[in-house]
Amino acid sequence: MKTIEISTASQPLSAYAEEFSNEMIVLTLHGKAIAVVASFKNADPESLLLSMNPEFLEIIQEAREEFKAGKKLSLEEMKRELL
């Protein structure tokens, strides 16, 4: 991950995006992160939006906690539940 201070950037953001196309670029202003530039090479807009959606993140966290607590189904159990 590359960090770029906006106030001292020596080239346009498009140049940085091309140079670091396989990693995220964190943009900072006065040392504080304000934005991220990320490549869509291996992703799609919907995945990015979901990854930042608070409701979706809460669902994922709850599922992880349930899994850690032993609340899980085998594939066969899941099929029986759904069919």
N, C-alpha and C. Protein backbone atom coordinates (compact mmCIF):
# COMPACT_ATOMS: atom_id res chain seq x y z
N MET A 1 0.85 -1.17 0.00
CA MET A 1 0.00 0.00 0.00
C MET A 1 0.90 1.23 0.00
N LYS A 2 0.59 2.15 -0.86
CA LYS A 2 1.34 3.40 -1.00
C LYS A 2 0.55 4.53 -0.36
N THR A 3 1.23 5.43 0.32
CA THR A 3 0.59 6.61 0.91
C THR A 3 1.10 7.85 0.22
N ILE A 4 0.19 8.73 -0.15
CA ILE A 4 0.57 9.97 -0.83
C ILE A 4 -0.06 11.14 -0.10
N GLU A 5 0.76 12.09 0.27
CA GLU A 5 0.29 13.34 0.89
C GLU A 5 -0.17 14.26 -0.25
N ILE A 6 -1.47 14.56 -0.26
CA ILE A 6 -2.06 15.35 -1.35
C ILE A 6 -1.36 16.70 -1.51
N SER A 7 -1.07 17.36 -0.40
CA SER A 7 -0.51 18.71 -0.49
C SER A 7 0.88 18.75 -1.09
N THR A 8 1.57 17.61 -1.13
CA THR A 8 2.93 17.59 -1.68
C THR A 8 3.06 16.65 -2.88
N ALA A 9 1.94 16.19 -3.42
CA ALA A 9 1.98 15.28 -4.56
C ALA A 9 2.68 15.96 -5.74
N SER A 10 3.59 15.22 -6.36
CA SER A 10 4.39 15.80 -7.43
C SER A 10 3.84 15.50 -8.83
N GLN A 11 2.77 14.71 -8.90
CA GLN A 11 2.18 14.39 -10.20
C GLN A 11 0.68 14.18 -10.03
N PRO A 12 -0.08 14.19 -11.13
CA PRO A 12 -1.53 13.97 -11.03
C PRO A 12 -1.85 12.58 -10.46
N LEU A 13 -3.00 12.44 -9.84
CA LEU A 13 -3.41 11.16 -9.28
C LEU A 13 -3.45 10.06 -10.33
N SER A 14 -3.81 10.41 -11.55
CA SER A 14 -3.87 9.39 -12.61
C SER A 14 -2.50 8.74 -12.83
N ALA A 15 -1.44 9.51 -12.69
CA ALA A 15 -0.09 8.95 -12.85
C ALA A 15 0.24 7.98 -11.72
N TYR A 16 -0.14 8.35 -10.49
CA TYR A 16 0.07 7.45 -9.36
C TYR A 16 -0.75 6.17 -9.54
N ALA A 17 -1.98 6.32 -10.01
CA ALA A 17 -2.86 5.16 -10.19
C ALA A 17 -2.25 4.19 -11.20
N GLU A 18 -1.66 4.71 -12.26
CA GLU A 18 -1.01 3.84 -13.24
C GLU A 18 0.24 3.19 -12.66
N GLU A 19 1.02 3.97 -11.93
CA GLU A 19 2.28 3.47 -11.36
C GLU A 19 2.04 2.38 -10.31
N PHE A 20 1.00 2.53 -9.52
CA PHE A 20 0.72 1.57 -8.44
C PHE A 20 -0.59 0.85 -8.69
N SER A 21 -0.80 0.36 -9.91
CA SER A 21 -2.08 -0.21 -10.29
C SER A 21 -2.42 -1.52 -9.58
N ASN A 22 -1.46 -2.17 -8.96
CA ASN A 22 -1.74 -3.44 -8.28
C ASN A 22 -1.84 -3.30 -6.77
N GLU A 23 -1.85 -2.06 -6.26
CA GLU A 23 -1.99 -1.87 -4.83
C GLU A 23 -2.86 -0.65 -4.56
N MET A 24 -3.33 -0.52 -3.33
CA MET A 24 -4.14 0.63 -2.96
C MET A 24 -3.24 1.82 -2.65
N ILE A 25 -3.76 2.99 -2.95
CA ILE A 25 -3.05 4.22 -2.64
C ILE A 25 -3.89 4.98 -1.62
N VAL A 26 -3.32 5.25 -0.46
CA VAL A 26 -4.01 6.02 0.58
C VAL A 26 -3.63 7.48 0.40
N LEU A 27 -4.63 8.32 0.23
CA LEU A 27 -4.39 9.75 0.09
C LEU A 27 -4.54 10.40 1.45
N THR A 28 -3.56 11.22 1.81
CA THR A 28 -3.60 11.88 3.10
C THR A 28 -3.59 13.39 2.91
N LEU A 29 -4.11 14.09 3.89
CA LEU A 29 -4.07 15.54 3.94
C LEU A 29 -3.63 15.92 5.33
N HIS A 30 -2.48 16.56 5.41
CA HIS A 30 -1.87 16.91 6.69
C HIS A 30 -1.69 15.68 7.58
N GLY A 31 -1.32 14.57 6.95
CA GLY A 31 -1.02 13.34 7.69
C GLY A 31 -2.21 12.46 8.03
N LYS A 32 -3.42 12.90 7.70
CA LYS A 32 -4.61 12.10 8.01
C LYS A 32 -5.19 11.51 6.73
N ALA A 33 -5.51 10.22 6.77
CA ALA A 33 -6.09 9.55 5.60
C ALA A 33 -7.44 10.17 5.27
N ILE A 34 -7.63 10.49 3.98
CA ILE A 34 -8.89 11.08 3.55
C ILE A 34 -9.57 10.28 2.44
N ALA A 35 -8.81 9.44 1.73
CA ALA A 35 -9.40 8.66 0.64
C ALA A 35 -8.45 7.54 0.25
N VAL A 36 -8.99 6.60 -0.53
CA VAL A 36 -8.19 5.49 -1.05
C VAL A 36 -8.46 5.39 -2.56
N VAL A 37 -7.40 5.19 -3.31
CA VAL A 37 -7.52 4.90 -4.73
C VAL A 37 -7.20 3.42 -4.88
N ALA A 38 -8.16 2.66 -5.42
CA ALA A 38 -7.99 1.22 -5.55
C ALA A 38 -8.25 0.79 -6.99
N SER A 39 -7.52 -0.19 -7.43
CA SER A 39 -7.68 -0.72 -8.78
C SER A 39 -8.93 -1.60 -8.86
N PHE A 40 -9.58 -1.54 -10.02
CA PHE A 40 -10.72 -2.42 -10.27
C PHE A 40 -10.33 -3.60 -11.13
N LYS A 41 -9.03 -3.84 -11.29
CA LYS A 41 -8.58 -4.93 -12.14
C LYS A 41 -9.17 -6.27 -11.74
N ASN A 42 -9.21 -6.56 -10.45
CA ASN A 42 -9.69 -7.86 -9.98
C ASN A 42 -10.95 -7.72 -9.12
N ALA A 43 -11.71 -6.66 -9.36
CA ALA A 43 -12.92 -6.44 -8.57
C ALA A 43 -13.97 -5.77 -9.45
N ASP A 44 -15.13 -5.62 -8.87
CA ASP A 44 -16.19 -4.91 -9.56
C ASP A 44 -16.78 -3.87 -8.62
N PRO A 45 -17.47 -2.86 -9.15
CA PRO A 45 -18.01 -1.80 -8.29
C PRO A 45 -18.93 -2.31 -7.19
N GLU A 46 -19.72 -3.34 -7.49
CA GLU A 46 -20.65 -3.86 -6.48
C GLU A 46 -19.90 -4.44 -5.28
N SER A 47 -18.81 -5.14 -5.54
CA SER A 47 -18.02 -5.71 -4.44
C SER A 47 -17.44 -4.61 -3.57
N LEU A 48 -16.97 -3.55 -4.20
CA LEU A 48 -16.42 -2.43 -3.43
C LEU A 48 -17.50 -1.79 -2.57
N LEU A 49 -18.67 -1.56 -3.16
CA LEU A 49 -19.75 -0.95 -2.39
C LEU A 49 -20.18 -1.83 -1.22
N LEU A 50 -20.28 -3.14 -1.45
CA LEU A 50 -20.64 -4.04 -0.36
C LEU A 50 -19.59 -4.02 0.74
N SER A 51 -18.33 -3.96 0.37
CA SER A 51 -17.27 -4.01 1.37
C SER A 51 -17.26 -2.79 2.27
N MET A 52 -17.97 -1.74 1.89
CA MET A 52 -18.02 -0.53 2.70
C MET A 52 -19.41 -0.30 3.31
N ASN A 53 -20.34 -1.21 3.06
CA ASN A 53 -21.70 -1.05 3.55
C ASN A 53 -21.79 -1.52 5.00
N PRO A 54 -22.15 -0.63 5.94
CA PRO A 54 -22.20 -1.00 7.36
C PRO A 54 -23.12 -2.18 7.66
N GLU A 55 -24.27 -2.25 7.01
CA GLU A 55 -25.21 -3.35 7.26
C GLU A 55 -24.60 -4.68 6.82
N PHE A 56 -23.97 -4.70 5.65
CA PHE A 56 -23.34 -5.91 5.15
C PHE A 56 -22.19 -6.33 6.07
N LEU A 57 -21.39 -5.37 6.49
CA LEU A 57 -20.27 -5.67 7.39
C LEU A 57 -20.75 -6.25 8.72
N GLU A 58 -21.89 -5.75 9.20
CA GLU A 58 -22.47 -6.28 10.43
C GLU A 58 -22.93 -7.73 10.25
N ILE A 59 -23.54 -8.04 9.12
CA ILE A 59 -23.97 -9.41 8.82
C ILE A 59 -22.76 -10.34 8.79
N ILE A 60 -21.69 -9.92 8.14
CA ILE A 60 -20.47 -10.73 8.07
C ILE A 60 -19.89 -10.95 9.47
N GLN A 61 -19.84 -9.90 10.28
CA GLN A 61 -19.29 -10.02 11.63
C GLN A 61 -20.13 -10.98 12.48
N GLU A 62 -21.45 -10.87 12.38
CA GLU A 62 -22.33 -11.78 13.13
C GLU A 62 -22.11 -13.22 12.70
N ALA A 63 -21.97 -13.43 11.39
CA ALA A 63 -21.74 -14.79 10.88
C ALA A 63 -20.41 -15.34 11.39
N ARG A 64 -19.39 -14.51 11.44
CA ARG A 64 -18.09 -14.96 11.96
C ARG A 64 -18.18 -15.33 13.43
N GLU A 65 -18.91 -14.53 14.20
CA GLU A 65 -19.07 -14.83 15.62
C GLU A 65 -19.84 -16.12 15.84
N GLU A 66 -20.89 -16.34 15.05
CA GLU A 66 -21.67 -17.58 15.16
C GLU A 66 -20.79 -18.78 14.81
N PHE A 67 -19.98 -18.65 13.78
CA PHE A 67 -19.10 -19.74 13.37
C PHE A 67 -18.12 -20.07 14.49
N LYS A 68 -17.52 -19.04 15.09
CA LYS A 68 -16.58 -19.26 16.21
C LYS A 68 -17.26 -19.93 17.39
N ALA A 69 -18.54 -19.62 17.57
CA ALA A 69 -19.30 -20.19 18.69
C ALA A 69 -19.80 -21.59 18.38
N GLY A 70 -19.47 -22.10 17.20
CA GLY A 70 -19.88 -23.46 16.85
C GLY A 70 -21.22 -23.56 16.17
N LYS A 71 -21.84 -22.45 15.88
CA LYS A 71 -23.14 -22.46 15.20
C LYS A 71 -22.90 -22.53 13.70
N LYS A 72 -22.82 -23.75 13.18
CA LYS A 72 -22.59 -23.94 11.76
C LYS A 72 -23.29 -25.19 11.28
N LEU A 73 -23.52 -25.24 9.98
CA LEU A 73 -24.18 -26.39 9.36
C LEU A 73 -23.25 -27.01 8.33
N SER A 74 -23.33 -28.31 8.20
CA SER A 74 -22.61 -28.97 7.12
C SER A 74 -23.36 -28.69 5.83
N LEU A 75 -22.75 -29.00 4.70
CA LEU A 75 -23.41 -28.81 3.41
C LEU A 75 -24.69 -29.62 3.34
N GLU A 76 -24.65 -30.84 3.83
CA GLU A 76 -25.85 -31.69 3.81
C GLU A 76 -26.94 -31.10 4.69
N GLU A 77 -26.59 -30.59 5.87
CA GLU A 77 -27.58 -29.97 6.75
C GLU A 77 -28.20 -28.73 6.10
N MET A 78 -27.36 -27.97 5.43
CA MET A 78 -27.84 -26.76 4.76
C MET A 78 -28.81 -27.12 3.64
N LYS A 79 -28.48 -28.15 2.88
CA LYS A 79 -29.38 -28.58 1.80
C LYS A 79 -30.73 -29.00 2.36
N ARG A 80 -30.71 -29.75 3.48
CA ARG A 80 -31.98 -30.17 4.10
C ARG A 80 -32.78 -28.96 4.57
N GLU A 81 -32.09 -27.96 5.11
CA GLU A 81 -32.77 -26.76 5.61
C GLU A 81 -33.44 -25.98 4.47
N LEU A 82 -32.77 -25.95 3.32
CA LEU A 82 -33.24 -25.14 2.21
C LEU A 82 -34.20 -25.85 1.28
N LEU A 83 -34.15 -27.14 1.24
CA LEU A 83 -35.00 -27.89 0.28
C LEU A 83 -36.26 -28.40 0.91
